[in-house]
Amino acid sequence: MKLVHKTIKKIEEDIENYKFNTSIAQMMILVNNGLPRDIELQREWRLVFARILNPFAPHLAEELWERMHKNSVTSVALQTWPEFDPAMTIDDRVTI
């Protein structure tokens, strides 16, 4: 989940600086890294991903949101932006 928090932080910074291409690259890194093993964390990962994808691919994000919330009438566009935990964005170890 560290990568999820790093991704949220990076995308926030990239949107403010109009660096949309690096936001897409960061989302690709997140997707390529895969889902967490824990089922509850997988659900949280998917919900966060749909919300951060929304500014870049709103139709796809809406479809993903609808599939995760079958009985709900809410839209991903009405959801708040996910917040990152600053402690989760710091690497404990660095390989040199």
PDB file of N, CA and C in Angstrom:
ATOM      1  N   MET A   1       0.821  -1.203   0.000  1.00  0.00           N
ATOM      2  CA  MET A   1       0.000   0.000   0.000  1.00  0.00           C
ATOM      3  C   MET A   1       0.859   1.260   0.000  1.00  0.00           C
ATOM      4  N   LYS A   2       2.164   1.097   0.257  1.00  0.00           N
ATOM      5  CA  LYS A   2       3.049   2.265   0.197  1.00  0.00           C
ATOM      6  C   LYS A   2       3.014   2.893  -1.187  1.00  0.00           C
ATOM      7  N   LEU A   3       3.001   2.053  -2.205  1.00  0.00           N
ATOM      8  CA  LEU A   3       3.007   2.568  -3.571  1.00  0.00           C
ATOM      9  C   LEU A   3       1.711   3.324  -3.882  1.00  0.00           C
ATOM     10  N   VAL A   4       0.606   2.907  -3.289  1.00  0.00           N
ATOM     11  CA  VAL A   4      -0.665   3.617  -3.484  1.00  0.00           C
ATOM     12  C   VAL A   4      -0.550   5.041  -2.927  1.00  0.00           C
ATOM     13  N   HIS A   5      -0.004   5.175  -1.731  1.00  0.00           N
ATOM     14  CA  HIS A   5       0.141   6.498  -1.117  1.00  0.00           C
ATOM     15  C   HIS A   5       1.141   7.359  -1.897  1.00  0.00           C
ATOM     16  N   LYS A   6       2.226   6.740  -2.373  1.00  0.00           N
ATOM     17  CA  LYS A   6       3.187   7.483  -3.195  1.00  0.00           C
ATOM     18  C   LYS A   6       2.545   7.940  -4.496  1.00  0.00           C
ATOM     19  N   THR A   7       1.695   7.097  -5.059  1.00  0.00           N
ATOM     20  CA  THR A   7       1.018   7.438  -6.312  1.00  0.00           C
ATOM     21  C   THR A   7       0.055   8.601  -6.117  1.00  0.00           C
ATOM     22  N   ILE A   8      -0.712   8.563  -5.049  1.00  0.00           N
ATOM     23  CA  ILE A   8      -1.640   9.672  -4.765  1.00  0.00           C
ATOM     24  C   ILE A   8      -0.867  10.977  -4.645  1.00  0.00           C
ATOM     25  N   LYS A   9       0.221  10.951  -3.884  1.00  0.00           N
ATOM     26  CA  LYS A   9       1.034  12.158  -3.693  1.00  0.00           C
ATOM     27  C   LYS A   9       1.603  12.649  -5.027  1.00  0.00           C
ATOM     28  N   LYS A  10       2.152  11.742  -5.808  1.00  0.00           N
ATOM     29  CA  LYS A  10       2.759  12.119  -7.093  1.00  0.00           C
ATOM     30  C   LYS A  10       1.730  12.707  -8.048  1.00  0.00           C
ATOM     31  N   ILE A  11       0.553  12.099  -8.118  1.00  0.00           N
ATOM     32  CA  ILE A  11      -0.469  12.593  -9.028  1.00  0.00           C
ATOM     33  C   ILE A  11      -0.968  13.971  -8.597  1.00  0.00           C
ATOM     34  N   GLU A  12      -1.115  14.189  -7.293  1.00  0.00           N
ATOM     35  CA  GLU A  12      -1.499  15.519  -6.808  1.00  0.00           C
ATOM     36  C   GLU A  12      -0.480  16.563  -7.265  1.00  0.00           C
ATOM     37  N   GLU A  13       0.797  16.260  -7.084  1.00  0.00           N
ATOM     38  CA  GLU A  13       1.853  17.199  -7.481  1.00  0.00           C
ATOM     39  C   GLU A  13       1.871  17.392  -8.997  1.00  0.00           C
ATOM     40  N   ASP A  14       1.708  16.307  -9.733  1.00  0.00           N
ATOM     41  CA  ASP A  14       1.742  16.389 -11.197  1.00  0.00           C
ATOM     42  C   ASP A  14       0.580  17.204 -11.749  1.00  0.00           C
ATOM     43  N   ILE A  15      -0.596  17.047 -11.184  1.00  0.00           N
ATOM     44  CA  ILE A  15      -1.756  17.817 -11.655  1.00  0.00           C
ATOM     45  C   ILE A  15      -1.534  19.306 -11.405  1.00  0.00           C
ATOM     46  N   GLU A  16      -0.993  19.644 -10.246  1.00  0.00           N
ATOM     47  CA  GLU A  16      -0.717  21.057  -9.941  1.00  0.00           C
ATOM     48  C   GLU A  16       0.311  21.644 -10.896  1.00  0.00           C
ATOM     49  N   ASN A  17       1.250  20.818 -11.380  1.00  0.00           N
ATOM     50  CA  ASN A  17       2.314  21.289 -12.261  1.00  0.00           C
ATOM     51  C   ASN A  17       2.052  20.973 -13.735  1.00  0.00           C
ATOM     52  N   TYR A  18       0.839  20.543 -14.053  1.00  0.00           N
ATOM     53  CA  TYR A  18       0.440  20.220 -15.433  1.00  0.00           C
ATOM     54  C   TYR A  18       1.338  19.170 -16.079  1.00  0.00           C
ATOM     55  N   LYS A  19       1.765  18.186 -15.298  1.00  0.00           N
ATOM     56  CA  LYS A  19       2.601  17.092 -15.808  1.00  0.00           C
ATOM     57  C   LYS A  19       1.746  15.826 -15.887  1.00  0.00           C
ATOM     58  N   PHE A  20       0.784  15.853 -16.776  1.00  0.00           N
ATOM     59  CA  PHE A  20      -0.190  14.772 -16.852  1.00  0.00           C
ATOM     60  C   PHE A  20       0.419  13.468 -17.353  1.00  0.00           C
ATOM     61  N   ASN A  21       1.427  13.551 -18.216  1.00  0.00           N
ATOM     62  CA  ASN A  21       2.038  12.333 -18.749  1.00  0.00           C
ATOM     63  C   ASN A  21       2.741  11.531 -17.653  1.00  0.00           C
ATOM     64  N   THR A  22       3.351  12.214 -16.679  1.00  0.00           N
ATOM     65  CA  THR A  22       4.005  11.476 -15.598  1.00  0.00           C
ATOM     66  C   THR A  22       2.988  10.899 -14.615  1.00  0.00           C
ATOM     67  N   SER A  23       1.812  11.497 -14.546  1.00  0.00           N
ATOM     68  CA  SER A  23       0.737  10.921 -13.729  1.00  0.00           C
ATOM     69  C   SER A  23       0.298   9.585 -14.312  1.00  0.00           C
ATOM     70  N   ILE A  24       0.140   9.543 -15.631  1.00  0.00           N
ATOM     71  CA  ILE A  24      -0.238   8.298 -16.300  1.00  0.00           C
ATOM     72  C   ILE A  24       0.850   7.248 -16.095  1.00  0.00           C
ATOM     73  N   ALA A  25       2.107   7.667 -16.213  1.00  0.00           N
ATOM     74  CA  ALA A  25       3.219   6.728 -16.006  1.00  0.00           C
ATOM     75  C   ALA A  25       3.200   6.167 -14.592  1.00  0.00           C
ATOM     76  N   GLN A  26       2.905   7.001 -13.603  1.00  0.00           N
ATOM     77  CA  GLN A  26       2.853   6.534 -12.219  1.00  0.00           C
ATOM     78  C   GLN A  26       1.706   5.554 -12.013  1.00  0.00           C
ATOM     79  N   MET A  27       0.573   5.798 -12.655  1.00  0.00           N
ATOM     80  CA  MET A  27      -0.547   4.854 -12.553  1.00  0.00           C
ATOM     81  C   MET A  27      -0.189   3.522 -13.204  1.00  0.00           C
ATOM     82  N   MET A  28       0.574   3.567 -14.293  1.00  0.00           N
ATOM     83  CA  MET A  28       1.011   2.332 -14.938  1.00  0.00           C
ATOM     84  C   MET A  28       1.942   1.544 -14.018  1.00  0.00           C
ATOM     85  N   ILE A  29       2.807   2.240 -13.306  1.00  0.00           N
ATOM     86  CA  ILE A  29       3.682   1.580 -12.332  1.00  0.00           C
ATOM     87  C   ILE A  29       2.849   0.921 -11.243  1.00  0.00           C
ATOM     88  N   LEU A  30       1.836   1.622 -10.761  1.00  0.00           N
ATOM     89  CA  LEU A  30       0.959   1.081  -9.723  1.00  0.00           C
ATOM     90  C   LEU A  30       0.245  -0.180 -10.200  1.00  0.00           C
ATOM     91  N   VAL A  31      -0.300  -0.133 -11.405  1.00  0.00           N
ATOM     92  CA  VAL A  31      -1.020  -1.291 -11.946  1.00  0.00           C
ATOM     93  C   VAL A  31      -0.067  -2.453 -12.188  1.00  0.00           C
ATOM     94  N   ASN A  32       1.110  -2.169 -12.717  1.00  0.00           N
ATOM     95  CA  ASN A  32       2.086  -3.227 -12.981  1.00  0.00           C
ATOM     96  C   ASN A  32       2.597  -3.879 -11.704  1.00  0.00           C
ATOM     97  N   ASN A  33       2.570  -3.139 -10.599  1.00  0.00           N
ATOM     98  CA  ASN A  33       3.000  -3.685  -9.313  1.00  0.00           C
ATOM     99  C   ASN A  33       2.004  -4.720  -8.792  1.00  0.00           C
ATOM    100  N   GLY A  34       0.749  -4.600  -9.174  1.00  0.00           N
ATOM    101  CA  GLY A  34      -0.263  -5.584  -8.796  1.00  0.00           C
ATOM    102  C   GLY A  34      -1.016  -5.234  -7.531  1.00  0.00           C
ATOM    103  N   LEU A  35      -2.011  -6.049  -7.274  1.00  0.00           N
ATOM    104  CA  LEU A  35      -2.864  -5.869  -6.096  1.00  0.00           C
ATOM    105  C   LEU A  35      -2.192  -6.412  -4.845  1.00  0.00           C
ATOM    106  N   PRO A  36      -2.534  -5.855  -3.678  1.00  0.00           N
ATOM    107  CA  PRO A  36      -2.053  -6.442  -2.424  1.00  0.00           C
ATOM    108  C   PRO A  36      -2.669  -7.833  -2.213  1.00  0.00           C
ATOM    109  N   ARG A  37      -2.088  -8.615  -1.352  1.00  0.00           N
ATOM    110  CA  ARG A  37      -2.591  -9.979  -1.099  1.00  0.00           C
ATOM    111  C   ARG A  37      -3.837  -9.981  -0.220  1.00  0.00           C
ATOM    112  N   ASP A  38      -3.923  -9.047   0.702  1.00  0.00           N
ATOM    113  CA  ASP A  38      -5.057  -8.966   1.617  1.00  0.00           C
ATOM    114  C   ASP A  38      -6.312  -8.510   0.870  1.00  0.00           C
ATOM    115  N   ILE A  39      -7.434  -9.192   1.085  1.00  0.00           N
ATOM    116  CA  ILE A  39      -8.687  -8.899   0.382  1.00  0.00           C
ATOM    117  C   ILE A  39      -9.189  -7.481   0.690  1.00  0.00           C
ATOM    118  N   GLU A  40      -9.125  -7.063   1.956  1.00  0.00           N
ATOM    119  CA  GLU A  40      -9.582  -5.721   2.320  1.00  0.00           C
ATOM    120  C   GLU A  40      -8.716  -4.646   1.670  1.00  0.00           C
ATOM    121  N   LEU A  41      -7.420  -4.884   1.611  1.00  0.00           N
ATOM    122  CA  LEU A  41      -6.522  -3.926   0.969  1.00  0.00           C
ATOM    123  C   LEU A  41      -6.749  -3.892  -0.538  1.00  0.00           C
ATOM    124  N   GLN A  42      -7.132  -5.025  -1.118  1.00  0.00           N
ATOM    125  CA  GLN A  42      -7.445  -5.055  -2.543  1.00  0.00           C
ATOM    126  C   GLN A  42      -8.634  -4.150  -2.845  1.00  0.00           C
ATOM    127  N   ARG A  43      -9.650  -4.210  -1.998  1.00  0.00           N
ATOM    128  CA  ARG A  43     -10.830  -3.362  -2.198  1.00  0.00           C
ATOM    129  C   ARG A  43     -10.450  -1.889  -2.088  1.00  0.00           C
ATOM    130  N   GLU A  44      -9.657  -1.550  -1.069  1.00  0.00           N
ATOM    131  CA  GLU A  44      -9.222  -0.166  -0.900  1.00  0.00           C
ATOM    132  C   GLU A  44      -8.381   0.285  -2.098  1.00  0.00           C
ATOM    133  N   TRP A  45      -7.494  -0.580  -2.574  1.00  0.00           N
ATOM    134  CA  TRP A  45      -6.656  -0.282  -3.743  1.00  0.00           C
ATOM    135  C   TRP A  45      -7.523   0.043  -4.949  1.00  0.00           C
ATOM    136  N   ARG A  46      -8.535  -0.775  -5.183  1.00  0.00           N
ATOM    137  CA  ARG A  46      -9.415  -0.563  -6.337  1.00  0.00           C
ATOM    138  C   ARG A  46     -10.201   0.741  -6.226  1.00  0.00           C
ATOM    139  N   LEU A  47     -10.684   1.043  -5.039  1.00  0.00           N
ATOM    140  CA  LEU A  47     -11.446   2.280  -4.838  1.00  0.00           C
ATOM    141  C   LEU A  47     -10.568   3.506  -5.055  1.00  0.00           C
ATOM    142  N   VAL A  48      -9.352   3.458  -4.543  1.00  0.00           N
ATOM    143  CA  VAL A  48      -8.422   4.570  -4.735  1.00  0.00           C
ATOM    144  C   VAL A  48      -8.063   4.702  -6.209  1.00  0.00           C
ATOM    145  N   PHE A  49      -7.797   3.585  -6.871  1.00  0.00           N
ATOM    146  CA  PHE A  49      -7.405   3.643  -8.270  1.00  0.00           C
ATOM    147  C   PHE A  49      -8.498   4.263  -9.134  1.00  0.00           C
ATOM    148  N   ALA A  50      -9.739   3.906  -8.891  1.00  0.00           N
ATOM    149  CA  ALA A  50     -10.843   4.476  -9.676  1.00  0.00           C
ATOM    150  C   ALA A  50     -10.924   5.988  -9.475  1.00  0.00           C
ATOM    151  N   ARG A  51     -10.672   6.451  -8.257  1.00  0.00           N
ATOM    152  CA  ARG A  51     -10.749   7.888  -7.991  1.00  0.00           C
ATOM    153  C   ARG A  51      -9.582   8.658  -8.604  1.00  0.00           C
ATOM    154  N   ILE A  52      -8.369   8.077  -8.602  1.00  0.00           N
ATOM    155  CA  ILE A  52      -7.243   8.810  -9.189  1.00  0.00           C
ATOM    156  C   ILE A  52      -7.246   8.705 -10.713  1.00  0.00           C
ATOM    157  N   LEU A  53      -7.914   7.695 -11.248  1.00  0.00           N
ATOM    158  CA  LEU A  53      -8.024   7.552 -12.695  1.00  0.00           C
ATOM    159  C   LEU A  53      -9.052   8.530 -13.280  1.00  0.00           C
ATOM    160  N   ASN A  54     -10.020   8.921 -12.486  1.00  0.00           N
ATOM    161  CA  ASN A  54     -11.148   9.727 -12.961  1.00  0.00           C
ATOM    162  C   ASN A  54     -10.767  10.997 -13.720  1.00  0.00           C
ATOM    163  N   PRO A  55      -9.803  11.807 -13.274  1.00  0.00           N
ATOM    164  CA  PRO A  55      -9.493  13.018 -14.046  1.00  0.00           C
ATOM    165  C   PRO A  55      -8.907  12.737 -15.433  1.00  0.00           C
ATOM    166  N   PHE A  56      -8.343  11.559 -15.616  1.00  0.00           N
ATOM    167  CA  PHE A  56      -7.656  11.231 -16.868  1.00  0.00           C
ATOM    168  C   PHE A  56      -8.504  10.379 -17.812  1.00  0.00           C
ATOM    169  N   ALA A  57      -9.310   9.501 -17.254  1.00  0.00           N
ATOM    170  CA  ALA A  57     -10.168   8.625 -18.064  1.00  0.00           C
ATOM    171  C   ALA A  57     -11.506   8.488 -17.345  1.00  0.00           C
ATOM    172  N   PRO A  58     -12.348   9.532 -17.391  1.00  0.00           N
ATOM    173  CA  PRO A  58     -13.573   9.537 -16.591  1.00  0.00           C
ATOM    174  C   PRO A  58     -14.566   8.431 -16.952  1.00  0.00           C
ATOM    175  N   HIS A  59     -14.680   8.077 -18.222  1.00  0.00           N
ATOM    176  CA  HIS A  59     -15.635   7.041 -18.600  1.00  0.00           C
ATOM    177  C   HIS A  59     -15.210   5.676 -18.062  1.00  0.00           C
ATOM    178  N   LEU A  60     -13.925   5.382 -18.161  1.00  0.00           N
ATOM    179  CA  LEU A  60     -13.409   4.119 -17.645  1.00  0.00           C
ATOM    180  C   LEU A  60     -13.520   4.074 -16.121  1.00  0.00           C
ATOM    181  N   ALA A  61     -13.183   5.177 -15.464  1.00  0.00           N
ATOM    182  CA  ALA A  61     -13.278   5.236 -14.001  1.00  0.00           C
ATOM    183  C   ALA A  61     -14.717   5.043 -13.543  1.00  0.00           C
ATOM    184  N   GLU A  62     -15.649   5.614 -14.282  1.00  0.00           N
ATOM    185  CA  GLU A  62     -17.071   5.475 -13.932  1.00  0.00           C
ATOM    186  C   GLU A  62     -17.522   4.021 -14.076  1.00  0.00           C
ATOM    187  N   GLU A  63     -17.073   3.350 -15.113  1.00  0.00           N
ATOM    188  CA  GLU A  63     -17.413   1.929 -15.298  1.00  0.00           C
ATOM    189  C   GLU A  63     -16.844   1.082 -14.166  1.00  0.00           C
ATOM    190  N   LEU A  64     -15.601   1.334 -13.800  1.00  0.00           N
ATOM    191  CA  LEU A  64     -14.984   0.591 -12.693  1.00  0.00           C
ATOM    192  C   LEU A  64     -15.736   0.840 -11.392  1.00  0.00           C
ATOM    193  N   TRP A  65     -16.082   2.097 -11.146  1.00  0.00           N
ATOM    194  CA  TRP A  65     -16.799   2.461  -9.916  1.00  0.00           C
ATOM    195  C   TRP A  65     -18.164   1.772  -9.865  1.00  0.00           C
ATOM    196  N   GLU A  66     -18.842   1.761 -10.997  1.00  0.00           N
ATOM    197  CA  GLU A  66     -20.164   1.141 -11.055  1.00  0.00           C
ATOM    198  C   GLU A  66     -20.076  -0.362 -10.779  1.00  0.00           C
ATOM    199  N   ARG A  67     -19.045  -1.015 -11.297  1.00  0.00           N
ATOM    200  CA  ARG A  67     -18.888  -2.457 -11.060  1.00  0.00           C
ATOM    201  C   ARG A  67     -18.574  -2.764  -9.604  1.00  0.00           C
ATOM    202  N   MET A  68     -17.898  -1.844  -8.926  1.00  0.00           N
ATOM    203  CA  MET A  68     -17.583  -2.060  -7.508  1.00  0.00           C
ATOM    204  C   MET A  68     -18.764  -1.727  -6.601  1.00  0.00           C
ATOM    205  N   HIS A  69     -19.670  -0.886  -7.053  1.00  0.00           N
ATOM    206  CA  HIS A  69     -20.833  -0.454  -6.270  1.00  0.00           C
ATOM    207  C   HIS A  69     -22.110  -0.766  -7.049  1.00  0.00           C
ATOM    208  N   LYS A  70     -22.426  -2.019  -7.181  1.00  0.00           N
ATOM    209  CA  LYS A  70     -23.552  -2.450  -8.023  1.00  0.00           C
ATOM    210  C   LYS A  70     -24.895  -1.850  -7.607  1.00  0.00           C
ATOM    211  N   ASN A  71     -25.156  -1.722  -6.323  1.00  0.00           N
ATOM    212  CA  ASN A  71     -26.460  -1.259  -5.855  1.00  0.00           C
ATOM    213  C   ASN A  71     -26.481   0.235  -5.510  1.00  0.00           C
ATOM    214  N   SER A  72     -25.420   0.923  -5.795  1.00  0.00           N
ATOM    215  CA  SER A  72     -25.320   2.329  -5.432  1.00  0.00           C
ATOM    216  C   SER A  72     -25.602   3.211  -6.644  1.00  0.00           C
ATOM    217  N   VAL A  73     -26.080   4.406  -6.371  1.00  0.00           N
ATOM    218  CA  VAL A  73     -26.342   5.355  -7.451  1.00  0.00           C
ATOM    219  C   VAL A  73     -25.296   6.471  -7.470  1.00  0.00           C
ATOM    220  N   THR A  74     -24.254   6.343  -6.650  1.00  0.00           N
ATOM    221  CA  THR A  74     -23.242   7.382  -6.597  1.00  0.00           C
ATOM    222  C   THR A  74     -22.324   7.302  -7.811  1.00  0.00           C
ATOM    223  N   SER A  75     -21.688   8.397  -8.080  1.00  0.00           N
ATOM    224  CA  SER A  75     -20.755   8.503  -9.197  1.00  0.00           C
ATOM    225  C   SER A  75     -19.347   8.694  -8.647  1.00  0.00           C
ATOM    226  N   VAL A  76     -18.359   8.189  -9.352  1.00  0.00           N
ATOM    227  CA  VAL A  76     -16.979   8.389  -8.926  1.00  0.00           C
ATOM    228  C   VAL A  76     -16.619   9.871  -8.972  1.00  0.00           C
ATOM    229  N   ALA A  77     -17.264  10.623  -9.845  1.00  0.00           N
ATOM    230  CA  ALA A  77     -17.002  12.060  -9.960  1.00  0.00           C
ATOM    231  C   ALA A  77     -17.430  12.824  -8.707  1.00  0.00           C
ATOM    232  N   LEU A  78     -18.342  12.260  -7.927  1.00  0.00           N
ATOM    233  CA  LEU A  78     -18.817  12.914  -6.709  1.00  0.00           C
ATOM    234  C   LEU A  78     -18.006  12.533  -5.472  1.00  0.00           C
ATOM    235  N   GLN A  79     -17.035  11.664  -5.632  1.00  0.00           N
ATOM    236  CA  GLN A  79     -16.231  11.201  -4.505  1.00  0.00           C
ATOM    237  C   GLN A  79     -15.101  12.184  -4.222  1.00  0.00           C
ATOM    238  N   THR A  80     -14.641  12.191  -2.980  1.00  0.00           N
ATOM    239  CA  THR A  80     -13.521  13.056  -2.614  1.00  0.00           C
ATOM    240  C   THR A  80     -12.214  12.449  -3.108  1.00  0.00           C
ATOM    241  N   TRP A  81     -11.236  13.302  -3.298  1.00  0.00           N
ATOM    242  CA  TRP A  81      -9.915  12.840  -3.717  1.00  0.00           C
ATOM    243  C   TRP A  81      -9.290  12.079  -2.551  1.00  0.00           C
ATOM    244  N   PRO A  82      -8.662  10.937  -2.809  1.00  0.00           N
ATOM    245  CA  PRO A  82      -8.057  10.168  -1.709  1.00  0.00           C
ATOM    246  C   PRO A  82      -6.888  10.931  -1.089  1.00  0.00           C
ATOM    247  N   GLU A  83      -6.726  10.771   0.199  1.00  0.00           N
ATOM    248  CA  GLU A  83      -5.626  11.423   0.902  1.00  0.00           C
ATOM    249  C   GLU A  83      -4.516  10.415   1.125  1.00  0.00           C
ATOM    250  N   PHE A  84      -3.289  10.886   1.006  1.00  0.00           N
ATOM    251  CA  PHE A  84      -2.153  10.007   1.245  1.00  0.00           C
ATOM    252  C   PHE A  84      -1.616  10.220   2.651  1.00  0.00           C
ATOM    253  N   ASP A  85      -1.006   9.174   3.187  1.00  0.00           N
ATOM    254  CA  ASP A  85      -0.375   9.226   4.495  1.00  0.00           C
ATOM    255  C   ASP A  85       1.098   9.577   4.275  1.00  0.00           C
ATOM    256  N   PRO A  86       1.561  10.738   4.755  1.00  0.00           N
ATOM    257  CA  PRO A  86       2.953  11.121   4.523  1.00  0.00           C
ATOM    258  C   PRO A  86       3.959  10.097   5.035  1.00  0.00           C
ATOM    259  N   ALA A  87       3.619   9.398   6.107  1.00  0.00           N
ATOM    260  CA  ALA A  87       4.526   8.380   6.644  1.00  0.00           C
ATOM    261  C   ALA A  87       4.693   7.209   5.678  1.00  0.00           C
ATOM    262  N   MET A  88       3.666   6.957   4.873  1.00  0.00           N
ATOM    263  CA  MET A  88       3.723   5.848   3.924  1.00  0.00           C
ATOM    264  C   MET A  88       4.506   6.199   2.659  1.00  0.00           C
ATOM    265  N   THR A  89       4.841   7.461   2.473  1.00  0.00           N
ATOM    266  CA  THR A  89       5.566   7.865   1.264  1.00  0.00           C
ATOM    267  C   THR A  89       7.081   7.870   1.482  1.00  0.00           C
ATOM    268  N   ILE A  90       7.516   7.571   2.694  1.00  0.00           N
ATOM    269  CA  ILE A  90       8.954   7.559   3.012  1.00  0.00           C
ATOM    270  C   ILE A  90       9.452   6.122   2.949  1.00  0.00           C
ATOM    271  N   ASP A  91      10.534   5.921   2.231  1.00  0.00           N
ATOM    272  CA  ASP A  91      11.128   4.596   2.137  1.00  0.00           C
ATOM    273  C   ASP A  91      11.986   4.313   3.364  1.00  0.00           C
ATOM    274  N   ASP A  92      11.773   3.126   3.944  1.00  0.00           N
ATOM    275  CA  ASP A  92      12.557   2.716   5.104  1.00  0.00           C
ATOM    276  C   ASP A  92      13.958   2.242   4.708  1.00  0.00           C
ATOM    277  N   ARG A  93      14.004   1.598   3.542  1.00  0.00           N
ATOM    278  CA  ARG A  93      15.273   1.062   3.046  1.00  0.00           C
ATOM    279  C   ARG A  93      15.510   1.548   1.629  1.00  0.00           C
ATOM    280  N   VAL A  94      16.768   1.744   1.332  1.00  0.00           N
ATOM    281  CA  VAL A  94      17.165   2.133  -0.008  1.00  0.00           C
ATOM    282  C   VAL A  94      18.260   1.178  -0.468  1.00  0.00           C
ATOM    283  N   THR A  95      18.081   0.579  -1.621  1.00  0.00           N
ATOM    284  CA  THR A  95      19.091  -0.317  -2.154  1.00  0.00           C
ATOM    285  C   THR A  95      20.031   0.480  -3.054  1.00  0.00           C
ATOM    286  N   ILE A  96      21.315   0.347  -2.772  1.00  0.00           N
ATOM    287  CA  ILE A  96      22.320   1.060  -3.565  1.00  0.00           C
ATOM    288  C   ILE A  96      23.098   0.047  -4.394  1.00  0.00           C
TER     289      ILE A  96
END
